[in-house]
Amino acid sequence: MAFIVKICGLSTPETLDAALSAGADMVGFVFVAKSPRHVTLDVARALARQVAAPVRKVALVVDADDALLAAVVEALAPDVLQLHGQEAPGRVSEIRQTFGVPLMKAVGVAGPADVAAISRYRAV
């Protein structure tokens, strides 16, 4: 597997330009209201105009409902949705089927049982 660089939490034209100039393969935008790196849909839409292939846009969400996901997909047209909450495999499958966008699932690991649980997502 090739080495891939993803720079996340970009929220201004200047930080996005720095990531692109540095050669990032993926640039991430956070759609979590509690995060200091949160971007609005309008800001994301504007920033997305700076991103051209082959760089991929990633939308990071936490336990998002379908309304938020639909709005994010419409505004950003992400290449990847990064699910960073407690989404169960069934919910991940629903999101994949509903939105048709490749998914990246973040899984917290505190011990061996958490690593073993990752296999539940492989079939999704």
PDB file of N, CA and C in Angstrom:
ATOM      1  N   MET A   1       0.845  -1.180   0.000  1.00  0.00           N
ATOM      2  CA  MET A   1       0.000   0.000   0.000  1.00  0.00           C
ATOM      3  C   MET A   1       0.887   1.238   0.000  1.00  0.00           C
ATOM      4  N   ALA A   2       0.526   2.189  -0.822  1.00  0.00           N
ATOM      5  CA  ALA A   2       1.273   3.446  -0.886  1.00  0.00           C
ATOM      6  C   ALA A   2       0.991   4.285   0.354  1.00  0.00           C
ATOM      7  N   PHE A   3       1.904   5.144   0.673  1.00  0.00           N
ATOM      8  CA  PHE A   3       1.757   6.075   1.790  1.00  0.00           C
ATOM      9  C   PHE A   3       0.809   7.180   1.366  1.00  0.00           C
ATOM     10  N   ILE A   4      -0.223   7.429   2.168  1.00  0.00           N
ATOM     11  CA  ILE A   4      -1.219   8.457   1.859  1.00  0.00           C
ATOM     12  C   ILE A   4      -1.218   9.486   2.976  1.00  0.00           C
ATOM     13  N   VAL A   5      -1.178  10.759   2.605  1.00  0.00           N
ATOM     14  CA  VAL A   5      -1.206  11.846   3.591  1.00  0.00           C
ATOM     15  C   VAL A   5      -2.575  12.510   3.560  1.00  0.00           C
ATOM     16  N   LYS A   6      -3.233  12.526   4.728  1.00  0.00           N
ATOM     17  CA  LYS A   6      -4.516  13.217   4.885  1.00  0.00           C
ATOM     18  C   LYS A   6      -4.323  14.299   5.931  1.00  0.00           C
ATOM     19  N   ILE A   7      -4.646  15.520   5.565  1.00  0.00           N
ATOM     20  CA  ILE A   7      -4.584  16.635   6.511  1.00  0.00           C
ATOM     21  C   ILE A   7      -6.021  17.063   6.763  1.00  0.00           C
ATOM     22  N   CYS A   8      -6.417  17.028   8.028  1.00  0.00           N
ATOM     23  CA  CYS A   8      -7.812  17.241   8.384  1.00  0.00           C
ATOM     24  C   CYS A   8      -7.977  18.503   9.223  1.00  0.00           C
ATOM     25  N   GLY A   9      -9.206  18.948   9.332  1.00  0.00           N
ATOM     26  CA  GLY A   9      -9.502  20.116  10.155  1.00  0.00           C
ATOM     27  C   GLY A   9      -9.232  21.425   9.455  1.00  0.00           C
ATOM     28  N   LEU A  10      -9.217  21.395   8.139  1.00  0.00           N
ATOM     29  CA  LEU A  10      -8.942  22.610   7.371  1.00  0.00           C
ATOM     30  C   LEU A  10     -10.195  23.478   7.345  1.00  0.00           C
ATOM     31  N   SER A  11     -10.008  24.756   7.621  1.00  0.00           N
ATOM     32  CA  SER A  11     -11.191  25.612   7.745  1.00  0.00           C
ATOM     33  C   SER A  11     -11.041  26.990   7.103  1.00  0.00           C
ATOM     34  N   THR A  12      -9.884  27.254   6.521  1.00  0.00           N
ATOM     35  CA  THR A  12      -9.671  28.543   5.863  1.00  0.00           C
ATOM     36  C   THR A  12      -8.986  28.307   4.515  1.00  0.00           C
ATOM     37  N   PRO A  13      -9.121  29.252   3.593  1.00  0.00           N
ATOM     38  CA  PRO A  13      -8.416  29.111   2.316  1.00  0.00           C
ATOM     39  C   PRO A  13      -6.903  28.985   2.508  1.00  0.00           C
ATOM     40  N   GLU A  14      -6.371  29.683   3.510  1.00  0.00           N
ATOM     41  CA  GLU A  14      -4.921  29.659   3.736  1.00  0.00           C
ATOM     42  C   GLU A  14      -4.444  28.288   4.216  1.00  0.00           C
ATOM     43  N   THR A  15      -5.170  27.677   5.157  1.00  0.00           N
ATOM     44  CA  THR A  15      -4.737  26.364   5.649  1.00  0.00           C
ATOM     45  C   THR A  15      -4.928  25.300   4.572  1.00  0.00           C
ATOM     46  N   LEU A  16      -5.987  25.415   3.805  1.00  0.00           N
ATOM     47  CA  LEU A  16      -6.201  24.470   2.714  1.00  0.00           C
ATOM     48  C   LEU A  16      -5.105  24.615   1.671  1.00  0.00           C
ATOM     49  N   ASP A  17      -4.750  25.838   1.316  1.00  0.00           N
ATOM     50  CA  ASP A  17      -3.681  26.062   0.346  1.00  0.00           C
ATOM     51  C   ASP A  17      -2.359  25.488   0.845  1.00  0.00           C
ATOM     52  N   ALA A  18      -2.086  25.649   2.135  1.00  0.00           N
ATOM     53  CA  ALA A  18      -0.851  25.096   2.705  1.00  0.00           C
ATOM     54  C   ALA A  18      -0.838  23.574   2.581  1.00  0.00           C
ATOM     55  N   ALA A  19      -1.964  22.931   2.864  1.00  0.00           N
ATOM     56  CA  ALA A  19      -2.045  21.470   2.755  1.00  0.00           C
ATOM     57  C   ALA A  19      -1.865  21.020   1.310  1.00  0.00           C
ATOM     58  N   LEU A  20      -2.506  21.710   0.394  1.00  0.00           N
ATOM     59  CA  LEU A  20      -2.384  21.362  -1.021  1.00  0.00           C
ATOM     60  C   LEU A  20      -0.961  21.583  -1.520  1.00  0.00           C
ATOM     61  N   SER A  21      -0.361  22.696  -1.126  1.00  0.00           N
ATOM     62  CA  SER A  21       1.013  23.002  -1.547  1.00  0.00           C
ATOM     63  C   SER A  21       2.013  22.004  -0.987  1.00  0.00           C
ATOM     64  N   ALA A  22       1.705  21.448   0.184  1.00  0.00           N
ATOM     65  CA  ALA A  22       2.596  20.470   0.817  1.00  0.00           C
ATOM     66  C   ALA A  22       2.440  19.080   0.216  1.00  0.00           C
ATOM     67  N   GLY A  23       1.454  18.902  -0.651  1.00  0.00           N
ATOM     68  CA  GLY A  23       1.293  17.625  -1.331  1.00  0.00           C
ATOM     69  C   GLY A  23       0.325  16.656  -0.681  1.00  0.00           C
ATOM     70  N   ALA A  24      -0.612  17.144   0.113  1.00  0.00           N
ATOM     71  CA  ALA A  24      -1.588  16.252   0.741  1.00  0.00           C
ATOM     72  C   ALA A  24      -2.357  15.468  -0.321  1.00  0.00           C
ATOM     73  N   ASP A  25      -2.573  14.190  -0.038  1.00  0.00           N
ATOM     74  CA  ASP A  25      -3.370  13.344  -0.921  1.00  0.00           C
ATOM     75  C   ASP A  25      -4.863  13.496  -0.633  1.00  0.00           C
ATOM     76  N   MET A  26      -5.160  13.786   0.631  1.00  0.00           N
ATOM     77  CA  MET A  26      -6.539  13.949   1.074  1.00  0.00           C
ATOM     78  C   MET A  26      -6.607  15.168   1.981  1.00  0.00           C
ATOM     79  N   VAL A  27      -7.697  15.932   1.855  1.00  0.00           N
ATOM     80  CA  VAL A  27      -7.913  17.081   2.733  1.00  0.00           C
ATOM     81  C   VAL A  27      -9.261  16.895   3.414  1.00  0.00           C
ATOM     82  N   GLY A  28      -9.270  17.129   4.732  1.00  0.00           N
ATOM     83  CA  GLY A  28     -10.463  16.845   5.502  1.00  0.00           C
ATOM     84  C   GLY A  28     -11.140  18.079   6.053  1.00  0.00           C
ATOM     85  N   PHE A  29     -12.467  18.004   6.070  1.00  0.00           N
ATOM     86  CA  PHE A  29     -13.300  19.083   6.581  1.00  0.00           C
ATOM     87  C   PHE A  29     -14.198  18.510   7.667  1.00  0.00           C
ATOM     88  N   VAL A  30     -14.239  19.175   8.806  1.00  0.00           N
ATOM     89  CA  VAL A  30     -14.931  18.668   9.991  1.00  0.00           C
ATOM     90  C   VAL A  30     -16.334  19.266  10.080  1.00  0.00           C
ATOM     91  N   PHE A  31     -17.325  18.392  10.126  1.00  0.00           N
ATOM     92  CA  PHE A  31     -18.725  18.800  10.255  1.00  0.00           C
ATOM     93  C   PHE A  31     -19.259  18.359  11.618  1.00  0.00           C
ATOM     94  N   VAL A  32     -18.575  18.808  12.652  1.00  0.00           N
ATOM     95  CA  VAL A  32     -18.944  18.497  14.036  1.00  0.00           C
ATOM     96  C   VAL A  32     -19.006  19.825  14.769  1.00  0.00           C
ATOM     97  N   ALA A  33     -20.210  20.246  15.139  1.00  0.00           N
ATOM     98  CA  ALA A  33     -20.413  21.584  15.707  1.00  0.00           C
ATOM     99  C   ALA A  33     -19.541  21.862  16.927  1.00  0.00           C
ATOM    100  N   LYS A  34     -19.250  20.855  17.735  1.00  0.00           N
ATOM    101  CA  LYS A  34     -18.460  21.054  18.953  1.00  0.00           C
ATOM    102  C   LYS A  34     -16.968  21.242  18.678  1.00  0.00           C
ATOM    103  N   SER A  35     -16.535  20.924  17.486  1.00  0.00           N
ATOM    104  CA  SER A  35     -15.108  20.989  17.169  1.00  0.00           C
ATOM    105  C   SER A  35     -14.666  22.418  16.866  1.00  0.00           C
ATOM    106  N   PRO A  36     -13.482  22.802  17.341  1.00  0.00           N
ATOM    107  CA  PRO A  36     -12.956  24.125  16.981  1.00  0.00           C
ATOM    108  C   PRO A  36     -12.609  24.218  15.490  1.00  0.00           C
ATOM    109  N   ARG A  37     -12.539  23.081  14.819  1.00  0.00           N
ATOM    110  CA  ARG A  37     -12.224  23.065  13.386  1.00  0.00           C
ATOM    111  C   ARG A  37     -13.474  22.873  12.518  1.00  0.00           C
ATOM    112  N   HIS A  38     -14.635  22.988  13.130  1.00  0.00           N
ATOM    113  CA  HIS A  38     -15.909  22.839  12.414  1.00  0.00           C
ATOM    114  C   HIS A  38     -16.013  23.849  11.275  1.00  0.00           C
ATOM    115  N   VAL A  39     -16.527  23.392  10.139  1.00  0.00           N
ATOM    116  CA  VAL A  39     -16.823  24.304   9.037  1.00  0.00           C
ATOM    117  C   VAL A  39     -18.312  24.230   8.721  1.00  0.00           C
ATOM    118  N   THR A  40     -18.853  25.341   8.307  1.00  0.00           N
ATOM    119  CA  THR A  40     -20.244  25.370   7.871  1.00  0.00           C
ATOM    120  C   THR A  40     -20.330  24.800   6.462  1.00  0.00           C
ATOM    121  N   LEU A  41     -21.529  24.499   6.048  1.00  0.00           N
ATOM    122  CA  LEU A  41     -21.725  23.993   4.693  1.00  0.00           C
ATOM    123  C   LEU A  41     -21.288  25.017   3.652  1.00  0.00           C
ATOM    124  N   ASP A  42     -21.568  26.292   3.898  1.00  0.00           N
ATOM    125  CA  ASP A  42     -21.170  27.337   2.945  1.00  0.00           C
ATOM    126  C   ASP A  42     -19.657  27.466   2.847  1.00  0.00           C
ATOM    127  N   VAL A  43     -18.975  27.398   3.983  1.00  0.00           N
ATOM    128  CA  VAL A  43     -17.508  27.466   3.971  1.00  0.00           C
ATOM    129  C   VAL A  43     -16.946  26.252   3.242  1.00  0.00           C
ATOM    130  N   ALA A  44     -17.484  25.074   3.529  1.00  0.00           N
ATOM    131  CA  ALA A  44     -17.009  23.858   2.861  1.00  0.00           C
ATOM    132  C   ALA A  44     -17.200  23.949   1.354  1.00  0.00           C
ATOM    133  N   ARG A  45     -18.341  24.451   0.941  1.00  0.00           N
ATOM    134  CA  ARG A  45     -18.621  24.598  -0.492  1.00  0.00           C
ATOM    135  C   ARG A  45     -17.574  25.503  -1.149  1.00  0.00           C
ATOM    136  N   ALA A  46     -17.245  26.599  -0.499  1.00  0.00           N
ATOM    137  CA  ALA A  46     -16.248  27.528  -1.044  1.00  0.00           C
ATOM    138  C   ALA A  46     -14.858  26.900  -1.060  1.00  0.00           C
ATOM    139  N   LEU A  47     -14.485  26.231   0.024  1.00  0.00           N
ATOM    140  CA  LEU A  47     -13.165  25.605   0.088  1.00  0.00           C
ATOM    141  C   LEU A  47     -13.030  24.490  -0.947  1.00  0.00           C
ATOM    142  N   ALA A  48     -14.103  23.766  -1.181  1.00  0.00           N
ATOM    143  CA  ALA A  48     -14.060  22.652  -2.132  1.00  0.00           C
ATOM    144  C   ALA A  48     -13.645  23.109  -3.524  1.00  0.00           C
ATOM    145  N   ARG A  49     -13.921  24.346  -3.848  1.00  0.00           N
ATOM    146  CA  ARG A  49     -13.547  24.871  -5.171  1.00  0.00           C
ATOM    147  C   ARG A  49     -12.030  24.936  -5.358  1.00  0.00           C
ATOM    148  N   GLN A  50     -11.278  24.950  -4.253  1.00  0.00           N
ATOM    149  CA  GLN A  50      -9.811  24.987  -4.326  1.00  0.00           C
ATOM    150  C   GLN A  50      -9.205  23.612  -4.573  1.00  0.00           C
ATOM    151  N   VAL A  51      -9.997  22.562  -4.430  1.00  0.00           N
ATOM    152  CA  VAL A  51      -9.472  21.194  -4.467  1.00  0.00           C
ATOM    153  C   VAL A  51      -9.730  20.579  -5.836  1.00  0.00           C
ATOM    154  N   ALA A  52      -8.664  20.080  -6.442  1.00  0.00           N
ATOM    155  CA  ALA A  52      -8.779  19.417  -7.742  1.00  0.00           C
ATOM    156  C   ALA A  52      -8.163  18.025  -7.661  1.00  0.00           C
ATOM    157  N   ALA A  53      -8.650  17.127  -8.511  1.00  0.00           N
ATOM    158  CA  ALA A  53      -8.086  15.784  -8.583  1.00  0.00           C
ATOM    159  C   ALA A  53      -6.594  15.891  -8.879  1.00  0.00           C
ATOM    160  N   PRO A  54      -5.806  15.021  -8.329  1.00  0.00           N
ATOM    161  CA  PRO A  54      -6.162  13.777  -7.658  1.00  0.00           C
ATOM    162  C   PRO A  54      -6.392  13.906  -6.146  1.00  0.00           C
ATOM    163  N   VAL A  55      -6.328  15.108  -5.617  1.00  0.00           N
ATOM    164  CA  VAL A  55      -6.553  15.282  -4.178  1.00  0.00           C
ATOM    165  C   VAL A  55      -8.007  14.930  -3.873  1.00  0.00           C
ATOM    166  N   ARG A  56      -8.204  14.176  -2.800  1.00  0.00           N
ATOM    167  CA  ARG A  56      -9.546  13.739  -2.416  1.00  0.00           C
ATOM    168  C   ARG A  56     -10.050  14.532  -1.219  1.00  0.00           C
ATOM    169  N   LYS A  57     -11.325  14.887  -1.271  1.00  0.00           N
ATOM    170  CA  LYS A  57     -11.978  15.624  -0.185  1.00  0.00           C
ATOM    171  C   LYS A  57     -12.631  14.625   0.764  1.00  0.00           C
ATOM    172  N   VAL A  58     -12.379  14.821   2.064  1.00  0.00           N
ATOM    173  CA  VAL A  58     -12.938  13.947   3.094  1.00  0.00           C
ATOM    174  C   VAL A  58     -13.820  14.779   4.009  1.00  0.00           C
ATOM    175  N   ALA A  59     -15.035  14.299   4.246  1.00  0.00           N
ATOM    176  CA  ALA A  59     -15.955  14.949   5.183  1.00  0.00           C
ATOM    177  C   ALA A  59     -15.998  14.119   6.454  1.00  0.00           C
ATOM    178  N   LEU A  60     -15.580  14.709   7.569  1.00  0.00           N
ATOM    179  CA  LEU A  60     -15.576  14.017   8.856  1.00  0.00           C
ATOM    180  C   LEU A  60     -16.845  14.374   9.615  1.00  0.00           C
ATOM    181  N   VAL A  61     -17.579  13.332  10.033  1.00  0.00           N
ATOM    182  CA  VAL A  61     -18.810  13.514  10.798  1.00  0.00           C
ATOM    183  C   VAL A  61     -18.794  12.579  12.002  1.00  0.00           C
ATOM    184  N   VAL A  62     -19.595  12.915  13.001  1.00  0.00           N
ATOM    185  CA  VAL A  62     -19.729  12.085  14.197  1.00  0.00           C
ATOM    186  C   VAL A  62     -21.212  11.788  14.408  1.00  0.00           C
ATOM    187  N   ASP A  63     -21.570  10.522  14.294  1.00  0.00           N
ATOM    188  CA  ASP A  63     -22.949  10.076  14.540  1.00  0.00           C
ATOM    189  C   ASP A  63     -23.971  10.959  13.815  1.00  0.00           C
ATOM    190  N   ALA A  64     -23.701  11.251  12.568  1.00  0.00           N
ATOM    191  CA  ALA A  64     -24.551  12.158  11.783  1.00  0.00           C
ATOM    192  C   ALA A  64     -25.837  11.472  11.339  1.00  0.00           C
ATOM    193  N   ASP A  65     -26.912  12.245  11.329  1.00  0.00           N
ATOM    194  CA  ASP A  65     -28.168  11.727  10.790  1.00  0.00           C
ATOM    195  C   ASP A  65     -28.170  11.916   9.271  1.00  0.00           C
ATOM    196  N   ASP A  66     -29.179  11.327   8.620  1.00  0.00           N
ATOM    197  CA  ASP A  66     -29.226  11.384   7.161  1.00  0.00           C
ATOM    198  C   ASP A  66     -29.367  12.807   6.630  1.00  0.00           C
ATOM    199  N   ALA A  67     -30.049  13.675   7.368  1.00  0.00           N
ATOM    200  CA  ALA A  67     -30.215  15.058   6.908  1.00  0.00           C
ATOM    201  C   ALA A  67     -28.868  15.767   6.830  1.00  0.00           C
ATOM    202  N   LEU A  68     -28.043  15.610   7.858  1.00  0.00           N
ATOM    203  CA  LEU A  68     -26.719  16.237   7.826  1.00  0.00           C
ATOM    204  C   LEU A  68     -25.870  15.616   6.727  1.00  0.00           C
ATOM    205  N   LEU A  69     -25.883  14.297   6.624  1.00  0.00           N
ATOM    206  CA  LEU A  69     -25.082  13.645   5.588  1.00  0.00           C
ATOM    207  C   LEU A  69     -25.496  14.107   4.192  1.00  0.00           C
ATOM    208  N   ALA A  70     -26.788  14.224   3.954  1.00  0.00           N
ATOM    209  CA  ALA A  70     -27.260  14.690   2.646  1.00  0.00           C
ATOM    210  C   ALA A  70     -26.785  16.107   2.374  1.00  0.00           C
ATOM    211  N   ALA A  71     -26.837  16.965   3.377  1.00  0.00           N
ATOM    212  CA  ALA A  71     -26.391  18.349   3.208  1.00  0.00           C
ATOM    213  C   ALA A  71     -24.890  18.410   2.943  1.00  0.00           C
ATOM    214  N   VAL A  72     -24.119  17.597   3.653  1.00  0.00           N
ATOM    215  CA  VAL A  72     -22.665  17.565   3.470  1.00  0.00           C
ATOM    216  C   VAL A  72     -22.323  17.052   2.072  1.00  0.00           C
ATOM    217  N   VAL A  73     -22.970  15.990   1.655  1.00  0.00           N
ATOM    218  CA  VAL A  73     -22.705  15.430   0.325  1.00  0.00           C
ATOM    219  C   VAL A  73     -23.051  16.447  -0.760  1.00  0.00           C
ATOM    220  N   GLU A  74     -24.146  17.164  -0.581  1.00  0.00           N
ATOM    221  CA  GLU A  74     -24.546  18.175  -1.571  1.00  0.00           C
ATOM    222  C   GLU A  74     -23.567  19.344  -1.603  1.00  0.00           C
ATOM    223  N   ALA A  75     -23.137  19.809  -0.437  1.00  0.00           N
ATOM    224  CA  ALA A  75     -22.272  20.995  -0.364  1.00  0.00           C
ATOM    225  C   ALA A  75     -20.838  20.705  -0.782  1.00  0.00           C
ATOM    226  N   LEU A  76     -20.299  19.578  -0.330  1.00  0.00           N
ATOM    227  CA  LEU A  76     -18.871  19.303  -0.510  1.00  0.00           C
ATOM    228  C   LEU A  76     -18.583  18.338  -1.652  1.00  0.00           C
ATOM    229  N   ALA A  77     -19.536  17.474  -1.984  1.00  0.00           N
ATOM    230  CA  ALA A  77     -19.290  16.374  -2.925  1.00  0.00           C
ATOM    231  C   ALA A  77     -18.022  15.628  -2.511  1.00  0.00           C
ATOM    232  N   PRO A  78     -18.022  15.091  -1.278  1.00  0.00           N
ATOM    233  CA  PRO A  78     -16.807  14.453  -0.778  1.00  0.00           C
ATOM    234  C   PRO A  78     -16.478  13.174  -1.537  1.00  0.00           C
ATOM    235  N   ASP A  79     -15.193  12.887  -1.608  1.00  0.00           N
ATOM    236  CA  ASP A  79     -14.737  11.626  -2.182  1.00  0.00           C
ATOM    237  C   ASP A  79     -14.831  10.515  -1.153  1.00  0.00           C
ATOM    238  N   VAL A  80     -14.806  10.900   0.127  1.00  0.00           N
ATOM    239  CA  VAL A  80     -14.869   9.950   1.242  1.00  0.00           C
ATOM    240  C   VAL A  80     -15.649  10.591   2.383  1.00  0.00           C
ATOM    241  N   LEU A  81     -16.502   9.788   3.034  1.00  0.00           N
ATOM    242  CA  LEU A  81     -17.121  10.193   4.295  1.00  0.00           C
ATOM    243  C   LEU A  81     -16.377   9.468   5.407  1.00  0.00           C
ATOM    244  N   GLN A  82     -15.837  10.219   6.358  1.00  0.00           N
ATOM    245  CA  GLN A  82     -15.139   9.622   7.496  1.00  0.00           C
ATOM    246  C   GLN A  82     -16.091   9.636   8.686  1.00  0.00           C
ATOM    247  N   LEU A  83     -16.457   8.449   9.134  1.00  0.00           N
ATOM    248  CA  LEU A  83     -17.374   8.294  10.258  1.00  0.00           C
ATOM    249  C   LEU A  83     -16.549   8.165  11.527  1.00  0.00           C
ATOM    250  N   HIS A  84     -16.687   9.131  12.408  1.00  0.00           N
ATOM    251  CA  HIS A  84     -15.798   9.223  13.564  1.00  0.00           C
ATOM    252  C   HIS A  84     -16.541   9.065  14.885  1.00  0.00           C
ATOM    253  N   GLY A  85     -17.773   8.550  14.819  1.00  0.00           N
ATOM    254  CA  GLY A  85     -18.562   8.401  16.038  1.00  0.00           C
ATOM    255  C   GLY A  85     -18.696   6.954  16.458  1.00  0.00           C
ATOM    256  N   GLN A  86     -19.843   6.640  17.016  1.00  0.00           N
ATOM    257  CA  GLN A  86     -20.123   5.292  17.506  1.00  0.00           C
ATOM    258  C   GLN A  86     -21.017   4.523  16.530  1.00  0.00           C
ATOM    259  N   GLU A  87     -20.891   4.814  15.257  1.00  0.00           N
ATOM    260  CA  GLU A  87     -21.731   4.172  14.253  1.00  0.00           C
ATOM    261  C   GLU A  87     -21.508   2.652  14.253  1.00  0.00           C
ATOM    262  N   ALA A  88     -22.595   1.915  14.449  1.00  0.00           N
ATOM    263  CA  ALA A  88     -22.545   0.451  14.416  1.00  0.00           C
ATOM    264  C   ALA A  88     -22.431  -0.020  12.969  1.00  0.00           C
ATOM    265  N   PRO A  89     -22.000  -1.263  12.752  1.00  0.00           N
ATOM    266  CA  PRO A  89     -21.886  -1.760  11.382  1.00  0.00           C
ATOM    267  C   PRO A  89     -23.173  -1.613  10.568  1.00  0.00           C
ATOM    268  N   GLY A  90     -24.320  -1.834  11.188  1.00  0.00           N
ATOM    269  CA  GLY A  90     -25.583  -1.677  10.471  1.00  0.00           C
ATOM    270  C   GLY A  90     -25.793  -0.258   9.979  1.00  0.00           C
ATOM    271  N   ARG A  91     -25.468   0.712  10.822  1.00  0.00           N
ATOM    272  CA  ARG A  91     -25.601   2.120  10.423  1.00  0.00           C
ATOM    273  C   ARG A  91     -24.610   2.451   9.314  1.00  0.00           C
ATOM    274  N   VAL A  92     -23.405   1.939   9.403  1.00  0.00           N
ATOM    275  CA  VAL A  92     -22.405   2.177   8.362  1.00  0.00           C
ATOM    276  C   VAL A  92     -22.914   1.631   7.026  1.00  0.00           C
ATOM    277  N   SER A  93     -23.507   0.447   7.062  1.00  0.00           N
ATOM    278  CA  SER A  93     -24.066  -0.149   5.852  1.00  0.00           C
ATOM    279  C   SER A  93     -25.184   0.723   5.279  1.00  0.00           C
ATOM    280  N   GLU A  94     -26.062   1.240   6.144  1.00  0.00           N
ATOM    281  CA  GLU A  94     -27.139   2.137   5.696  1.00  0.00           C
ATOM    282  C   GLU A  94     -26.573   3.376   5.006  1.00  0.00           C
ATOM    283  N   ILE A  95     -25.549   3.960   5.598  1.00  0.00           N
ATOM    284  CA  ILE A  95     -24.937   5.168   5.024  1.00  0.00           C
ATOM    285  C   ILE A  95     -24.344   4.856   3.657  1.00  0.00           C
ATOM    286  N   ARG A  96     -23.650   3.741   3.550  1.00  0.00           N
ATOM    287  CA  ARG A  96     -23.042   3.353   2.266  1.00  0.00           C
ATOM    288  C   ARG A  96     -24.128   3.197   1.193  1.00  0.00           C
ATOM    289  N   GLN A  97     -25.213   2.500   1.541  1.00  0.00           N
ATOM    290  CA  GLN A  97     -26.286   2.254   0.577  1.00  0.00           C
ATOM    291  C   GLN A  97     -27.027   3.538   0.209  1.00  0.00           C
ATOM    292  N   THR A  98     -27.241   4.403   1.175  1.00  0.00           N
ATOM    293  CA  THR A  98     -28.011   5.624   0.938  1.00  0.00           C
ATOM    294  C   THR A  98     -27.243   6.650   0.124  1.00  0.00           C
ATOM    295  N   PHE A  99     -25.954   6.828   0.444  1.00  0.00           N
ATOM    296  CA  PHE A  99     -25.210   7.942  -0.149  1.00  0.00           C
ATOM    297  C   PHE A  99     -24.208   7.529  -1.222  1.00  0.00           C
ATOM    298  N   GLY A 100     -23.824   6.263  -1.279  1.00  0.00           N
ATOM    299  CA  GLY A 100     -22.945   5.789  -2.335  1.00  0.00           C
ATOM    300  C   GLY A 100     -21.571   6.429  -2.364  1.00  0.00           C
ATOM    301  N   VAL A 101     -21.136   6.948  -1.221  1.00  0.00           N
ATOM    302  CA  VAL A 101     -19.818   7.576  -1.115  1.00  0.00           C
ATOM    303  C   VAL A 101     -18.906   6.610  -0.357  1.00  0.00           C
ATOM    304  N   PRO A 102     -17.664   6.408  -0.796  1.00  0.00           N
ATOM    305  CA  PRO A 102     -16.759   5.553  -0.035  1.00  0.00           C
ATOM    306  C   PRO A 102     -16.654   6.030   1.416  1.00  0.00           C
ATOM    307  N   LEU A 103     -16.525   5.060   2.320  1.00  0.00           N
ATOM    308  CA  LEU A 103     -16.495   5.365   3.742  1.00  0.00           C
ATOM    309  C   LEU A 103     -15.161   5.009   4.373  1.00  0.00           C
ATOM    310  N   MET A 104     -14.810   5.774   5.404  1.00  0.00           N
ATOM    311  CA  MET A 104     -13.666   5.501   6.262  1.00  0.00           C
ATOM    312  C   MET A 104     -14.231   5.518   7.683  1.00  0.00           C
ATOM    313  N   LYS A 105     -14.055   4.437   8.432  1.00  0.00           N
ATOM    314  CA  LYS A 105     -14.601   4.362   9.784  1.00  0.00           C
ATOM    315  C   LYS A 105     -13.469   4.439  10.791  1.00  0.00           C
ATOM    316  N   ALA A 106     -13.510   5.450  11.653  1.00  0.00           N
ATOM    317  CA  ALA A 106     -12.549   5.559  12.749  1.00  0.00           C
ATOM    318  C   ALA A 106     -13.075   4.724  13.909  1.00  0.00           C
ATOM    319  N   VAL A 107     -12.192   3.948  14.508  1.00  0.00           N
ATOM    320  CA  VAL A 107     -12.572   3.084  15.621  1.00  0.00           C
ATOM    321  C   VAL A 107     -11.607   3.335  16.770  1.00  0.00           C
ATOM    322  N   GLY A 108     -12.152   3.695  17.925  1.00  0.00           N
ATOM    323  CA  GLY A 108     -11.314   3.892  19.105  1.00  0.00           C
ATOM    324  C   GLY A 108     -10.788   2.558  19.611  1.00  0.00           C
ATOM    325  N   VAL A 109      -9.539   2.544  20.021  1.00  0.00           N
ATOM    326  CA  VAL A 109      -8.926   1.312  20.507  1.00  0.00           C
ATOM    327  C   VAL A 109      -8.341   1.550  21.892  1.00  0.00           C
ATOM    328  N   ALA A 110      -8.905   0.849  22.869  1.00  0.00           N
ATOM    329  CA  ALA A 110      -8.386   0.917  24.233  1.00  0.00           C
ATOM    330  C   ALA A 110      -7.727  -0.397  24.631  1.00  0.00           C
ATOM    331  N   GLY A 111      -7.983  -1.447  23.866  1.00  0.00           N
ATOM    332  CA  GLY A 111      -7.400  -2.740  24.200  1.00  0.00           C
ATOM    333  C   GLY A 111      -7.658  -3.761  23.112  1.00  0.00           C
ATOM    334  N   PRO A 112      -7.209  -5.002  23.334  1.00  0.00           N
ATOM    335  CA  PRO A 112      -7.334  -6.063  22.331  1.00  0.00           C
ATOM    336  C   PRO A 112      -8.768  -6.324  21.868  1.00  0.00           C
ATOM    337  N   ALA A 113      -9.740  -6.209  22.754  1.00  0.00           N
ATOM    338  CA  ALA A 113     -11.135  -6.454  22.367  1.00  0.00           C
ATOM    339  C   ALA A 113     -11.591  -5.450  21.311  1.00  0.00           C
ATOM    340  N   ASP A 114     -11.120  -4.215  21.417  1.00  0.00           N
ATOM    341  CA  ASP A 114     -11.486  -3.197  20.429  1.00  0.00           C
ATOM    342  C   ASP A 114     -10.902  -3.527  19.062  1.00  0.00           C
ATOM    343  N   VAL A 115      -9.683  -4.023  19.047  1.00  0.00           N
ATOM    344  CA  VAL A 115      -9.053  -4.403  17.781  1.00  0.00           C
ATOM    345  C   VAL A 115      -9.824  -5.563  17.158  1.00  0.00           C
ATOM    346  N   ALA A 116     -10.207  -6.528  17.965  1.00  0.00           N
ATOM    347  CA  ALA A 116     -10.963  -7.678  17.465  1.00  0.00           C
ATOM    348  C   ALA A 116     -12.312  -7.248  16.893  1.00  0.00           C
ATOM    349  N   ALA A 117     -12.921  -6.226  17.466  1.00  0.00           N
ATOM    350  CA  ALA A 117     -14.238  -5.763  17.020  1.00  0.00           C
ATOM    351  C   ALA A 117     -14.200  -5.104  15.645  1.00  0.00           C
ATOM    352  N   ILE A 118     -13.033  -4.707  15.201  1.00  0.00           N
ATOM    353  CA  ILE A 118     -12.912  -4.060  13.890  1.00  0.00           C
ATOM    354  C   ILE A 118     -13.427  -4.975  12.786  1.00  0.00           C
ATOM    355  N   SER A 119     -13.270  -6.269  12.953  1.00  0.00           N
ATOM    356  CA  SER A 119     -13.697  -7.214  11.919  1.00  0.00           C
ATOM    357  C   SER A 119     -15.191  -7.107  11.618  1.00  0.00           C
ATOM    358  N   ARG A 120     -15.985  -6.610  12.550  1.00  0.00           N
ATOM    359  CA  ARG A 120     -17.430  -6.443  12.312  1.00  0.00           C
ATOM    360  C   ARG A 120     -17.696  -5.475  11.157  1.00  0.00           C
ATOM    361  N   TYR A 121     -16.758  -4.594  10.875  1.00  0.00           N
ATOM    362  CA  TYR A 121     -16.951  -3.592   9.823  1.00  0.00           C
ATOM    363  C   TYR A 121     -16.472  -4.071   8.449  1.00  0.00           C
ATOM    364  N   ARG A 122     -15.701  -5.133   8.394  1.00  0.00           N
ATOM    365  CA  ARG A 122     -15.124  -5.574   7.120  1.00  0.00           C
ATOM    366  C   ARG A 122     -16.181  -5.980   6.097  1.00  0.00           C
ATOM    367  N   ALA A 123     -17.288  -6.526   6.549  1.00  0.00           N
ATOM    368  CA  ALA A 123     -18.331  -6.991   5.629  1.00  0.00           C
ATOM    369  C   ALA A 123     -19.249  -5.867   5.156  1.00  0.00           C
ATOM    370  N   VAL A 124     -19.092  -4.689   5.710  1.00  0.00           N
ATOM    371  CA  VAL A 124     -19.994  -3.579   5.392  1.00  0.00           C
ATOM    372  C   VAL A 124     -19.649  -2.988   4.039  1.00  0.00           C
TER     373      VAL A 124
END
